[in-house]
């Protein structure tokens, strides 16, 4: 499976018109493989335009730091 990083460094797209777009509107589901595509990264857009492509294997992202759950009975002072 091809990783996103195998396609090289990010190729940022630019929004023409200067209108603000909400975060969730930058993504679409590829009609062929169903994977979410970030339209701001042209590597992803070009990959998903290829006929017969496979989904990209996600690159490991930053680790999530887990904090202890807050005890609602005794909130912090």
C-alpha atoms as a PDB file:
ATOM      1  CA  UNK A   1       0.000   0.000   0.000  1.00  0.00           C
ATOM      2  CA  UNK A   2       1.304   3.473  -0.850  1.00  0.00           C
ATOM      3  CA  UNK A   3       1.844   5.926   2.002  1.00  0.00           C
ATOM      4  CA  UNK A   4       1.082   9.607   1.639  1.00  0.00           C
ATOM      5  CA  UNK A   5       4.735  10.367   2.444  1.00  0.00           C
ATOM      6  CA  UNK A   6       5.782   8.178  -0.533  1.00  0.00           C
ATOM      7  CA  UNK A   7       4.261  10.841  -2.791  1.00  0.00           C
ATOM      8  CA  UNK A   8       6.808  13.439  -1.663  1.00  0.00           C
ATOM      9  CA  UNK A   9       6.475  16.609   0.355  1.00  0.00           C
ATOM     10  CA  UNK A  10       3.083  18.291   0.709  1.00  0.00           C
ATOM     11  CA  UNK A  11       1.898  20.275  -2.310  1.00  0.00           C
ATOM     12  CA  UNK A  12      -0.379  22.931  -0.841  1.00  0.00           C
ATOM     13  CA  UNK A  13      -3.292  24.158  -2.917  1.00  0.00           C
ATOM     14  CA  UNK A  14      -4.495  27.742  -2.793  1.00  0.00           C
ATOM     15  CA  UNK A  15      -8.012  29.006  -2.367  1.00  0.00           C
ATOM     16  CA  UNK A  16      -8.923  31.539  -5.021  1.00  0.00           C
ATOM     17  CA  UNK A  17     -11.462  34.152  -4.072  1.00  0.00           C
ATOM     18  CA  UNK A  18     -10.357  34.628  -0.486  1.00  0.00           C
ATOM     19  CA  UNK A  19     -13.537  33.320   1.121  1.00  0.00           C
ATOM     20  CA  UNK A  20     -13.199  31.445   4.385  1.00  0.00           C
ATOM     21  CA  UNK A  21     -14.135  27.775   4.155  1.00  0.00           C
ATOM     22  CA  UNK A  22     -15.063  25.738   7.217  1.00  0.00           C
ATOM     23  CA  UNK A  23     -12.624  22.938   8.056  1.00  0.00           C
ATOM     24  CA  UNK A  24     -14.980  20.065   7.219  1.00  0.00           C
ATOM     25  CA  UNK A  25     -15.560  21.439   3.699  1.00  0.00           C
ATOM     26  CA  UNK A  26     -11.896  20.880   2.765  1.00  0.00           C
ATOM     27  CA  UNK A  27     -12.560  17.123   2.596  1.00  0.00           C
ATOM     28  CA  UNK A  28     -14.490  14.828   0.298  1.00  0.00           C
ATOM     29  CA  UNK A  29     -14.865  11.067   0.048  1.00  0.00           C
ATOM     30  CA  UNK A  30     -13.166   9.578  -3.016  1.00  0.00           C
ATOM     31  CA  UNK A  31     -15.910   8.047  -5.196  1.00  0.00           C
ATOM     32  CA  UNK A  32     -13.625   5.140  -6.186  1.00  0.00           C
ATOM     33  CA  UNK A  33     -12.048   3.990  -2.899  1.00  0.00           C
ATOM     34  CA  UNK A  34     -14.116   5.896  -0.307  1.00  0.00           C
ATOM     35  CA  UNK A  35     -11.101   7.434   1.461  1.00  0.00           C
ATOM     36  CA  UNK A  36     -11.324  10.990   2.821  1.00  0.00           C
ATOM     37  CA  UNK A  37      -9.311  13.400   0.668  1.00  0.00           C
ATOM     38  CA  UNK A  38      -7.954  16.730   1.917  1.00  0.00           C
ATOM     39  CA  UNK A  39      -8.358  19.075  -1.063  1.00  0.00           C
ATOM     40  CA  UNK A  40      -5.685  21.405   0.354  1.00  0.00           C
ATOM     41  CA  UNK A  41      -3.023  18.733  -0.323  1.00  0.00           C
ATOM     42  CA  UNK A  42      -2.726  18.280  -4.071  1.00  0.00           C
ATOM     43  CA  UNK A  43      -0.792  15.003  -3.631  1.00  0.00           C
ATOM     44  CA  UNK A  44      -3.964  13.457  -2.285  1.00  0.00           C
ATOM     45  CA  UNK A  45      -6.162  15.009  -4.973  1.00  0.00           C
ATOM     46  CA  UNK A  46      -3.917  13.786  -7.821  1.00  0.00           C
ATOM     47  CA  UNK A  47      -3.610  10.302  -6.311  1.00  0.00           C
ATOM     48  CA  UNK A  48      -7.373   9.899  -6.080  1.00  0.00           C
ATOM     49  CA  UNK A  49      -7.836  11.028  -9.701  1.00  0.00           C
ATOM     50  CA  UNK A  50      -5.889   7.995 -10.969  1.00  0.00           C
ATOM     51  CA  UNK A  51      -8.156   5.214 -12.276  1.00  0.00           C
ATOM     52  CA  UNK A  52      -7.937   1.985 -10.271  1.00  0.00           C
ATOM     53  CA  UNK A  53      -6.004   3.482  -7.343  1.00  0.00           C
ATOM     54  CA  UNK A  54      -5.908   2.002  -3.856  1.00  0.00           C
ATOM     55  CA  UNK A  55      -6.532   4.021  -0.689  1.00  0.00           C
ATOM     56  CA  UNK A  56      -3.419   5.695   0.704  1.00  0.00           C
ATOM     57  CA  UNK A  57      -1.978   4.215   3.865  1.00  0.00           C
ATOM     58  CA  UNK A  58      -2.096   6.908   6.536  1.00  0.00           C
ATOM     59  CA  UNK A  59       1.204   8.141   7.902  1.00  0.00           C
ATOM     60  CA  UNK A  60       1.630   7.967  11.649  1.00  0.00           C
ATOM     61  CA  UNK A  61       0.571  11.290  13.089  1.00  0.00           C
ATOM     62  CA  UNK A  62       1.462  12.946  16.343  1.00  0.00           C
ATOM     63  CA  UNK A  63       0.756  10.823  19.340  1.00  0.00           C
ATOM     64  CA  UNK A  64      -2.288  11.791  21.344  1.00  0.00           C
ATOM     65  CA  UNK A  65      -1.525  12.752  24.918  1.00  0.00           C
ATOM     66  CA  UNK A  66      -4.055  11.249  27.251  1.00  0.00           C
ATOM     67  CA  UNK A  67      -4.860  13.228  30.354  1.00  0.00           C
ATOM     68  CA  UNK A  68      -6.462  11.708  33.428  1.00  0.00           C
ATOM     69  CA  UNK A  69     -10.221  11.957  33.380  1.00  0.00           C
ATOM     70  CA  UNK A  70     -11.615  14.854  35.361  1.00  0.00           C
ATOM     71  CA  UNK A  71     -13.524  13.927  38.461  1.00  0.00           C
ATOM     72  CA  UNK A  72     -16.671  16.049  38.152  1.00  0.00           C
ATOM     73  CA  UNK A  73     -17.491  15.548  41.839  1.00  0.00           C
ATOM     74  CA  UNK A  74     -14.276  17.302  42.851  1.00  0.00           C
ATOM     75  CA  UNK A  75     -13.465  19.875  40.133  1.00  0.00           C
ATOM     76  CA  UNK A  76     -10.001  21.504  40.241  1.00  0.00           C
ATOM     77  CA  UNK A  77      -9.757  24.671  42.306  1.00  0.00           C
END
